[in-house]
């Protein structure tokens, strides 16, 4: 049955409706209602203009009157770049000393250069902390501004929607009776169409505004996490510098500055292959095994991917994770109903992974989220996020023969780490590859490259020496 024309329905009595309540406007043709369509587009245009001025600009632009001016940022970045160059020069000097062979003077030179390098790193960390503090102040202010704009525009749009709805209740006959001139009638119709179109645009921009707010909160969460990691690393660097000074003093005390005494000491303290094999190796996911077992697994991954075993070991070493909380939460705590600052769904693939492996999802532990509720849900020794693991599990199975591959099975985890690092460019730049492993798409941040990435590279150099002893023993 075809619906009746709207103007017929409009004059037909409805339940609880007085059809004569607007009789003055219908009968008296000289009556002009106070509320007309033509002023609506003007009002909505003003709201759309406010939205366009805000949304059209960069959401990351500094806030007027903020405490972190552009010149401050530029100055900090210039000083930070100078310190990074200085740190790299110290690293080169250490390498030159080591290439000259083991000697007392060379070892003292290494220790002295390490102290200078660590002091420069501490200065760089302090600069980065200042920069992050400014970013946090700016981002917090921007979040408040965005929230205020959302509230303001929501109220204005709500008024417009109510007004449009009120006018939309009028039928064709009522509009004709309200407009004594035919031109007024067509003007009202055109106004209504223009208003509805503008309202759609404004609502779309409001949605974008909400998306910008979510982005700002994600950035703030990352900045806070960076500050926490930098503070931890700063403390460790100070401790390391003090330890190196102690090593230097002890070395000079024992050898009394004589080369012959140093060579005797070197022979006595040389690590044996048997000692290295039984040393405990702490996995990133919270487990442990002997270093010999870990090296065998890393060798499998190296042969399959071409990524150095020492580098894979360093990435999976728990100490290189800066004490991050891993393997202690259920997926319901870490992921469900999903990280509040992300639209990524890790619950669905996690349930699929555990179902394929015959595991109980409620008792299978994953990494905990940080203080802001994001970044939880990583699985096993390689700490793969469920969505990422789904893209690697078949490649891992093809190498290890385990079908389905498991992120909680050590050999699968080592191979998966090698595959990921290979795709991250470990063959040409291990520091950046480590940063990508830890920070994902946001890897190009100081804490990712110069803190986490640097720690992994340094750890890999230590493991490379241990591996050399294992091979020679």
Protein backbone atom coordinates (compact mmCIF):
# COMPACT_ATOMS: atom_id res chain seq x y z
CA UNK A 1 0.00 0.00 0.00
CA UNK A 2 1.43 3.37 -1.02
CA UNK A 3 1.82 5.94 1.79
CA UNK A 4 -0.51 8.90 1.75
CA UNK A 5 0.84 12.31 0.77
CA UNK A 6 2.32 14.12 3.74
CA UNK A 7 0.02 17.12 3.52
CA UNK A 8 -2.99 14.80 3.91
CA UNK A 9 -1.46 13.19 6.97
CA UNK A 10 -0.60 16.58 8.37
CA UNK A 11 -4.20 17.80 8.51
CA UNK A 12 -5.49 14.47 9.75
CA UNK A 13 -6.07 14.35 13.56
CA UNK A 14 -3.40 12.40 15.47
CA UNK A 15 -3.53 10.94 18.99
CA UNK A 16 -2.95 13.56 21.67
CA UNK A 17 -2.59 16.25 19.01
CA UNK A 18 -4.62 19.45 18.66
CA UNK A 19 -4.87 20.05 14.90
CA UNK A 20 -6.04 23.64 15.58
CA UNK A 21 -3.12 24.71 17.76
CA UNK A 22 -1.56 26.58 14.86
CA UNK A 23 -4.85 27.86 13.47
CA UNK A 24 -3.70 31.49 13.69
CA UNK A 25 -0.89 30.83 11.29
CA UNK A 26 -3.13 28.85 8.94
CA UNK A 27 -6.18 31.08 8.78
CA UNK A 28 -4.73 34.58 9.05
CA UNK A 29 -2.73 35.07 5.85
CA UNK A 30 -1.28 38.32 7.19
CA UNK A 31 0.30 36.48 10.11
CA UNK A 32 4.06 35.99 9.86
CA UNK A 33 5.55 33.46 12.29
CA UNK A 34 8.54 34.61 14.29
CA UNK A 35 10.62 31.57 13.40
CA UNK A 36 11.43 31.22 9.70
CA UNK A 37 13.57 28.76 7.78
CA UNK A 38 15.78 31.34 6.18
CA UNK A 39 17.73 32.13 9.35
CA UNK A 40 18.74 28.51 9.98
CA UNK A 41 21.49 28.22 7.35
CA UNK A 42 23.05 31.40 8.68
CA UNK A 43 23.19 29.99 12.19
CA UNK A 44 24.49 26.64 11.00
CA UNK A 45 27.03 28.32 8.74
CA UNK A 46 28.44 30.09 11.78
CA UNK A 47 28.80 26.77 13.60
CA UNK A 48 30.34 25.17 10.52
CA UNK A 49 32.75 28.09 10.31
CA UNK A 50 33.85 27.52 13.91
CA UNK A 51 34.39 23.85 13.18
CA UNK A 52 36.24 24.50 9.94
CA UNK A 53 38.54 27.03 11.58
CA UNK A 54 39.48 24.48 14.24
CA UNK A 55 39.44 21.23 12.31
CA UNK A 56 40.98 22.80 9.23
CA UNK A 57 44.05 23.78 11.22
CA UNK A 58 46.64 21.36 12.47
CA UNK A 59 45.42 19.54 15.54
CA UNK A 60 48.99 19.38 16.71
CA UNK A 61 49.62 23.12 16.46
CA UNK A 62 50.91 24.81 19.63
CA UNK A 63 48.33 26.42 21.86
CA UNK A 64 48.46 30.16 22.12
CA UNK A 65 50.20 31.25 25.27
CA UNK A 66 51.57 27.73 25.85
CA UNK A 67 54.67 27.19 27.98
CA UNK A 68 56.51 25.24 25.28
CA UNK A 69 57.28 27.73 22.52
CA UNK A 70 58.59 26.75 19.10
CA UNK A 71 61.96 28.39 19.78
CA UNK A 72 62.33 26.33 22.98
CA UNK A 73 61.65 23.15 21.05
CA UNK A 74 64.13 24.09 18.31
CA UNK A 75 66.82 24.91 20.88
CA UNK A 76 66.34 21.61 22.70
CA UNK A 77 66.41 19.63 19.47
CA UNK A 78 69.61 21.35 18.32
CA UNK A 79 71.33 20.63 21.65
CA UNK A 80 70.04 17.05 21.60
CA UNK A 81 71.43 16.53 18.10
CA UNK A 82 74.84 17.85 19.24
CA UNK A 83 74.88 15.42 22.17
CA UNK A 84 73.88 12.49 19.95
CA UNK A 85 76.80 13.30 17.66
CA UNK A 86 79.09 13.42 20.70
CA UNK A 87 77.78 10.07 21.97
CA UNK A 88 78.37 8.49 18.55
CA UNK A 89 81.94 9.82 18.54
CA UNK A 90 82.57 8.24 21.95
CA UNK A 91 81.21 4.94 20.63
CA UNK A 92 83.64 5.11 17.72
CA UNK A 93 86.55 5.78 20.09
CA UNK A 94 85.60 2.77 22.24
CA UNK A 95 85.57 0.61 19.10
CA UNK A 96 89.03 1.85 18.13
CA UNK A 97 90.43 1.00 21.56
CA UNK A 98 88.98 -2.50 21.39
CA UNK A 99 90.33 -3.09 17.88
CA UNK A 100 93.85 -2.42 19.17
CA UNK A 101 93.77 -5.53 21.33
CA UNK A 102 93.66 -6.05 25.07
CA UNK A 103 96.07 -3.79 26.92
CA UNK A 104 96.01 -1.93 30.21
CA UNK A 105 96.13 1.48 28.55
CA UNK A 106 93.43 0.45 26.07
CA UNK A 107 91.13 -0.84 28.82
CA UNK A 108 91.59 2.36 30.84
CA UNK A 109 90.83 4.37 27.69
CA UNK A 110 87.65 2.35 27.12
CA UNK A 111 86.48 2.93 30.69
CA UNK A 112 87.22 6.65 30.58
CA UNK A 113 85.42 7.04 27.26
CA UNK A 114 82.45 5.05 28.57
CA UNK A 115 82.15 7.45 31.51
CA UNK A 116 82.17 10.44 29.15
CA UNK A 117 79.62 8.74 26.91
CA UNK A 118 77.27 7.97 29.80
CA UNK A 119 77.51 11.54 31.10
CA UNK A 120 76.58 12.79 27.61
CA UNK A 121 73.67 10.32 27.54
CA UNK A 122 72.45 11.59 30.90
CA UNK A 123 72.56 15.17 29.57
CA UNK A 124 70.62 14.05 26.48
CA UNK A 125 68.04 12.31 28.66
CA UNK A 126 67.57 15.47 30.73
CA UNK A 127 66.98 17.47 27.54
CA UNK A 128 64.52 14.87 26.30
CA UNK A 129 62.68 14.96 29.63
CA UNK A 130 62.36 18.76 29.32
CA UNK A 131 61.07 18.40 25.79
CA UNK A 132 58.57 15.69 26.77
CA UNK A 133 57.35 17.74 29.74
CA UNK A 134 56.66 20.61 27.35
CA UNK A 135 54.87 18.26 24.96
CA UNK A 136 52.73 16.88 27.77
CA UNK A 137 51.75 20.38 28.91
CA UNK A 138 50.89 21.31 25.34
CA UNK A 139 48.98 18.09 24.63
CA UNK A 140 47.03 18.34 27.89
CA UNK A 141 45.99 21.88 26.99
CA UNK A 142 45.02 20.79 23.48
CA UNK A 143 42.87 17.99 24.89
CA UNK A 144 41.04 20.50 27.08
CA UNK A 145 40.55 22.78 24.09
CA UNK A 146 39.21 19.97 21.90
CA UNK A 147 36.84 18.79 24.63
CA UNK A 148 35.57 22.35 25.07
CA UNK A 149 35.02 22.74 21.33
CA UNK A 150 33.17 19.43 21.19
CA UNK A 151 30.85 20.47 24.04
CA UNK A 152 30.24 23.89 22.47
CA UNK A 153 29.50 22.50 19.02
CA UNK A 154 27.37 19.69 20.38
CA UNK A 155 25.09 22.19 22.09
CA UNK A 156 24.81 24.35 18.96
CA UNK A 157 24.13 21.36 16.73
CA UNK A 158 21.57 20.00 19.18
CA UNK A 159 19.66 23.31 19.00
CA UNK A 160 19.74 23.22 15.21
CA UNK A 161 18.57 19.63 15.05
CA UNK A 162 15.66 20.41 17.38
CA UNK A 163 14.72 23.42 15.26
CA UNK A 164 14.86 21.45 12.04
CA UNK A 165 12.77 18.70 13.61
CA UNK A 166 10.16 21.23 14.72
CA UNK A 167 9.86 22.64 11.21
CA UNK A 168 9.95 19.17 9.70
CA UNK A 169 6.71 18.39 11.50
CA UNK A 170 4.96 20.87 9.20
CA UNK A 171 3.41 19.50 6.05
CA UNK A 172 3.17 21.00 2.61
CA UNK A 173 -0.28 22.52 3.22
CA UNK A 174 0.80 24.20 6.44
CA UNK A 175 3.89 25.71 4.78
CA UNK A 176 1.72 26.99 1.92
CA UNK A 177 -0.66 28.62 4.37
CA UNK A 178 2.23 30.22 6.30
CA UNK A 179 3.72 31.78 3.18
CA UNK A 180 1.45 34.33 1.45
CA UNK A 181 3.83 34.50 -1.54
CA UNK A 182 4.86 31.58 -3.69
CA UNK A 183 8.46 32.87 -3.72
CA UNK A 184 8.52 32.68 0.10
CA UNK A 185 7.38 29.08 -0.12
CA UNK A 186 10.16 28.03 -2.50
CA UNK A 187 12.67 30.04 -0.45
CA UNK A 188 11.70 28.09 2.65
CA UNK A 189 12.07 24.78 0.81
CA UNK A 190 15.52 25.77 -0.47
CA UNK A 191 16.52 26.95 3.01
CA UNK A 192 15.52 23.59 4.45
CA UNK A 193 17.57 21.66 1.88
CA UNK A 194 20.60 23.89 2.41
CA UNK A 195 20.29 23.57 6.18
CA UNK A 196 20.13 19.78 6.04
CA UNK A 197 23.17 19.63 3.77
CA UNK A 198 25.17 22.00 5.99
CA UNK A 199 24.14 20.02 9.06
CA UNK A 200 25.54 16.84 7.51
CA UNK A 201 28.86 18.56 6.87
CA UNK A 202 28.98 19.95 10.40
CA UNK A 203 28.25 16.53 11.91
CA UNK A 204 31.00 15.00 9.79
CA UNK A 205 33.45 17.60 11.08
CA UNK A 206 32.37 16.98 14.64
CA UNK A 207 33.15 13.29 14.12
CA UNK A 208 36.59 14.27 12.87
CA UNK A 209 37.03 16.44 15.94
CA UNK A 210 36.36 13.43 18.15
CA UNK A 211 38.92 11.45 16.19
CA UNK A 212 41.48 14.20 16.76
CA UNK A 213 40.75 14.06 20.49
CA UNK A 214 41.40 10.30 20.55
CA UNK A 215 44.68 10.89 18.71
CA UNK A 216 45.69 13.53 21.26
CA UNK A 217 45.01 11.14 24.14
CA UNK A 218 47.05 8.40 22.45
CA UNK A 219 49.94 10.83 22.05
CA UNK A 220 49.67 11.89 25.68
CA UNK A 221 49.76 8.25 26.79
CA UNK A 222 52.90 7.63 24.73
CA UNK A 223 54.56 10.78 26.04
CA UNK A 224 53.88 9.78 29.63
CA UNK A 225 55.26 6.30 28.97
CA UNK A 226 58.35 7.83 27.38
CA UNK A 227 58.96 10.01 30.45
CA UNK A 228 58.69 6.99 32.74
CA UNK A 229 61.09 4.96 30.58
CA UNK A 230 63.57 7.83 30.33
CA UNK A 231 63.58 8.32 34.10
CA UNK A 232 64.29 4.60 34.61
CA UNK A 233 67.05 4.70 32.01
CA UNK A 234 68.52 7.86 33.53
CA UNK A 235 68.86 6.15 36.90
CA UNK A 236 70.44 3.10 35.28
CA UNK A 237 72.92 5.20 33.32
CA UNK A 238 74.01 6.99 36.49
CA UNK A 239 74.46 3.62 38.21
CA UNK A 240 76.39 2.28 35.22
CA UNK A 241 78.69 5.33 35.18
CA UNK A 242 79.44 4.82 38.88
CA UNK A 243 80.12 1.11 38.26
CA UNK A 244 82.51 1.90 35.40
CA UNK A 245 84.38 4.39 37.59
CA UNK A 246 84.64 1.67 40.24
CA UNK A 247 85.95 -0.81 37.63
CA UNK A 248 88.61 1.65 36.54
CA UNK A 249 89.73 2.37 40.12
CA UNK A 250 89.81 -1.36 40.93
CA UNK A 251 91.74 -2.12 37.76
CA UNK A 252 94.42 0.42 38.59
CA UNK A 253 94.54 -0.77 42.19
CA UNK A 254 95.05 -4.43 41.26
CA UNK A 255 97.49 -3.89 38.40
CA UNK A 256 99.31 -0.92 39.94
CA UNK A 257 99.51 0.49 36.43
CA UNK A 258 101.68 -2.38 35.10
CA UNK A 259 100.88 -4.08 31.79
CA UNK A 260 102.19 -7.46 32.94
CA UNK A 261 99.85 -7.48 35.94
CA UNK A 262 96.91 -6.59 33.69
CA UNK A 263 97.60 -9.50 31.34
CA UNK A 264 97.68 -11.91 34.30
CA UNK A 265 94.33 -10.51 35.50
CA UNK A 266 92.88 -10.84 32.01
CA UNK A 267 93.79 -14.52 31.87
CA UNK A 268 92.29 -15.20 35.27
CA UNK A 269 88.96 -13.47 34.56
CA UNK A 270 88.44 -14.84 31.03
CA UNK A 271 85.00 -16.45 30.88
CA UNK A 272 84.87 -20.10 29.95
CA UNK A 273 82.36 -21.60 27.52
CA UNK A 274 80.97 -23.87 30.24
CA UNK A 275 80.22 -20.89 32.51
CA UNK A 276 78.42 -19.06 29.72
CA UNK A 277 76.29 -22.07 28.73
CA UNK A 278 74.81 -22.55 32.20
CA UNK A 279 74.23 -18.85 32.85
CA UNK A 280 70.52 -18.08 33.12
CA UNK A 281 68.96 -16.14 30.26
CA UNK A 282 65.83 -14.10 31.09
CA UNK A 283 63.26 -14.03 28.31
CA UNK A 284 61.29 -10.90 27.54
CA UNK A 285 58.03 -12.79 28.11
CA UNK A 286 58.92 -13.59 31.69
CA UNK A 287 60.41 -17.09 31.37
CA UNK A 288 64.02 -18.24 31.61
CA UNK A 289 66.42 -20.84 30.21
CA UNK A 290 70.16 -21.36 30.08
CA UNK A 291 72.12 -19.12 27.76
CA UNK A 292 73.28 -22.17 25.82
CA UNK A 293 69.67 -23.19 25.10
CA UNK A 294 68.76 -19.62 24.14
CA UNK A 295 71.70 -19.43 21.75
CA UNK A 296 70.67 -22.67 20.03
CA UNK A 297 67.16 -21.25 19.43
CA UNK A 298 68.58 -17.94 18.23
CA UNK A 299 70.85 -19.85 15.84
CA UNK A 300 67.79 -21.53 14.31
CA UNK A 301 66.22 -18.11 13.79
CA UNK A 302 69.50 -16.71 12.38
CA UNK A 303 69.74 -19.47 9.77
CA UNK A 304 66.12 -18.92 8.75
CA UNK A 305 66.11 -15.12 8.63
CA UNK A 306 69.70 -13.93 8.35
CA UNK A 307 69.34 -11.76 11.48
CA UNK A 308 72.27 -12.09 13.92
CA UNK A 309 71.69 -14.52 16.78
CA UNK A 310 73.24 -12.04 19.22
CA UNK A 311 70.79 -9.35 18.11
CA UNK A 312 67.77 -11.66 18.43
CA UNK A 313 68.94 -12.63 21.91
CA UNK A 314 69.31 -8.98 22.87
CA UNK A 315 65.78 -8.14 21.69
CA UNK A 316 64.27 -11.06 23.60
CA UNK A 317 66.34 -10.41 26.70
CA UNK A 318 64.12 -9.21 29.53
CA UNK A 319 66.62 -6.60 30.75
CA UNK A 320 66.47 -4.74 27.43
CA UNK A 321 62.75 -4.12 27.95
CA UNK A 322 63.45 -1.54 30.69
CA UNK A 323 61.45 -3.49 33.26
CA UNK A 324 58.19 -3.52 31.30
CA UNK A 325 55.39 -5.59 32.84
CA UNK A 326 54.94 -8.77 30.79
CA UNK A 327 52.96 -11.98 31.02
CA UNK A 328 50.96 -11.23 34.16
CA UNK A 329 47.45 -10.28 32.98
CA UNK A 330 44.46 -12.05 31.46
CA UNK A 331 43.21 -10.91 28.09
CA UNK A 332 40.05 -9.55 29.76
CA UNK A 333 42.19 -7.17 31.79
CA UNK A 334 44.67 -6.29 29.05
CA UNK A 335 42.44 -6.19 25.96
CA UNK A 336 38.71 -6.48 26.64
CA UNK A 337 36.64 -4.57 25.78
CA UNK A 338 39.67 -3.30 23.88
CA UNK A 339 42.33 -0.70 24.62
CA UNK A 340 40.37 2.49 25.36
CA UNK A 341 42.66 4.62 23.20
CA UNK A 342 42.72 2.34 20.18
CA UNK A 343 40.23 0.98 17.69
CA UNK A 344 42.35 -2.17 17.18
CA UNK A 345 40.60 -5.42 18.04
CA UNK A 346 43.04 -7.87 19.64
CA UNK A 347 40.42 -9.93 21.46
CA UNK A 348 39.05 -11.70 18.37
CA UNK A 349 42.44 -12.90 17.07
CA UNK A 350 43.55 -13.81 20.61
CA UNK A 351 40.54 -16.08 21.05
CA UNK A 352 41.20 -17.61 17.63
CA UNK A 353 44.88 -18.24 18.46
CA UNK A 354 44.11 -19.90 21.80
CA UNK A 355 41.32 -21.98 20.23
CA UNK A 356 43.67 -23.29 17.51
CA UNK A 357 46.26 -24.22 20.15
CA UNK A 358 43.72 -25.77 22.52
CA UNK A 359 44.51 -23.26 25.28
CA UNK A 360 42.11 -21.79 27.81
CA UNK A 361 41.97 -18.05 26.99
CA UNK A 362 40.96 -17.20 30.55
CA UNK A 363 44.14 -18.69 32.05
CA UNK A 364 46.59 -17.82 29.24
CA UNK A 365 48.50 -14.75 30.41
CA UNK A 366 49.54 -11.76 28.30
CA UNK A 367 51.32 -8.47 29.01
CA UNK A 368 49.51 -5.92 31.15
CA UNK A 369 48.47 -2.48 29.86
CA UNK A 370 50.33 0.60 31.01
CA UNK A 371 48.93 3.18 33.41
CA UNK A 372 46.87 4.80 30.64
CA UNK A 373 45.23 1.52 29.61
CA UNK A 374 46.99 1.04 26.29
CA UNK A 375 49.55 -1.36 24.74
CA UNK A 376 48.60 -4.51 26.68
CA UNK A 377 48.02 -8.01 25.32
CA UNK A 378 51.47 -9.07 24.05
CA UNK A 379 52.03 -12.84 24.00
CA UNK A 380 54.93 -15.14 24.83
CA UNK A 381 58.73 -14.71 24.77
CA UNK A 382 58.66 -12.52 21.64
CA UNK A 383 55.79 -10.40 22.98
CA UNK A 384 53.74 -10.36 19.78
CA UNK A 385 50.40 -8.54 19.77
CA UNK A 386 47.60 -10.92 18.57
CA UNK A 387 46.87 -8.91 15.41
CA UNK A 388 50.59 -8.92 14.51
CA UNK A 389 51.01 -12.63 15.25
CA UNK A 390 48.22 -13.50 12.81
CA UNK A 391 50.37 -12.08 10.01
CA UNK A 392 53.43 -14.13 10.99
CA UNK A 393 52.15 -17.48 12.28
CA UNK A 394 52.02 -19.21 8.87
CA UNK A 395 55.55 -18.01 8.00
CA UNK A 396 56.78 -19.30 11.34
CA UNK A 397 55.05 -22.66 10.83
CA UNK A 398 56.70 -23.03 7.41
CA UNK A 399 60.13 -22.71 9.07
CA UNK A 400 59.69 -24.61 12.34
CA UNK A 401 57.19 -27.22 11.11
CA UNK A 402 54.87 -26.43 14.03
CA UNK A 403 51.34 -26.10 12.72
CA UNK A 404 49.77 -24.11 14.13
CA UNK A 405 52.70 -22.07 15.37
CA UNK A 406 52.45 -20.84 18.96
CA UNK A 407 53.66 -17.49 20.34
CA UNK A 408 54.25 -19.31 23.65
CA UNK A 409 56.52 -21.99 22.09
CA UNK A 410 60.14 -20.87 22.38
CA UNK A 411 61.39 -21.90 18.96
CA UNK A 412 58.36 -20.32 17.26
CA UNK A 413 58.83 -17.13 19.26
CA UNK A 414 62.54 -16.85 18.36
CA UNK A 415 61.85 -17.39 14.66
CA UNK A 416 58.96 -14.91 14.74
CA UNK A 417 61.23 -12.31 16.33
CA UNK A 418 63.83 -12.92 13.62
CA UNK A 419 61.24 -12.54 10.85
CA UNK A 420 59.90 -9.32 12.31
CA UNK A 421 63.38 -7.84 12.78
CA UNK A 422 64.28 -8.79 9.22
CA UNK A 423 61.21 -6.96 7.89
CA UNK A 424 62.13 -4.00 10.14
CA UNK A 425 65.49 -3.65 8.38
CA UNK A 426 67.81 -5.37 10.87
CA UNK A 427 70.18 -6.24 8.02
CA UNK A 428 71.08 -2.58 7.48
CA UNK A 429 70.23 -0.80 10.77
CA UNK A 430 69.84 -2.83 13.95
CA UNK A 431 69.17 0.18 16.16
CA UNK A 432 66.15 1.27 14.12
CA UNK A 433 64.93 -2.33 13.83
CA UNK A 434 65.01 -2.68 17.63
CA UNK A 435 63.13 0.61 17.99
CA UNK A 436 60.45 -0.64 15.57
CA UNK A 437 60.17 -3.92 17.48
CA UNK A 438 59.51 -2.07 20.72
CA UNK A 439 57.49 0.94 19.53
CA UNK A 440 55.86 -0.21 16.28
CA UNK A 441 54.80 2.59 13.96
CA UNK A 442 55.83 5.26 16.47
CA UNK A 443 59.43 4.01 16.57
CA UNK A 444 61.11 7.26 15.55
CA UNK A 445 61.09 8.74 19.07
CA UNK A 446 64.09 9.35 21.29
CA UNK A 447 63.05 6.78 23.88
CA UNK A 448 62.63 4.15 21.14
CA UNK A 449 65.91 4.73 19.31
CA UNK A 450 68.37 6.18 21.82
CA UNK A 451 67.06 4.39 24.92
CA UNK A 452 65.52 1.06 23.97
CA UNK A 453 67.31 0.64 20.64
CA UNK A 454 70.69 1.66 22.09
CA UNK A 455 70.25 -0.70 25.05
CA UNK A 456 69.51 -3.59 22.67
CA UNK A 457 72.52 -2.86 20.45
CA UNK A 458 74.82 -2.65 23.48
CA UNK A 459 73.37 -5.88 24.85
CA UNK A 460 73.90 -7.55 21.47
CA UNK A 461 77.59 -6.59 21.58
CA UNK A 462 77.91 -8.33 24.96
CA UNK A 463 76.14 -11.43 23.68
CA UNK A 464 78.36 -11.47 20.57
CA UNK A 465 81.42 -11.74 22.83
CA UNK A 466 79.80 -14.58 24.78
CA UNK A 467 78.91 -16.38 21.54
CA UNK A 468 82.49 -16.04 20.36
CA UNK A 469 83.67 -17.72 23.56
CA UNK A 470 81.11 -20.51 23.04
CA UNK A 471 82.33 -21.11 19.50
CA UNK A 472 85.96 -21.10 20.51
CA UNK A 473 85.33 -23.35 23.51
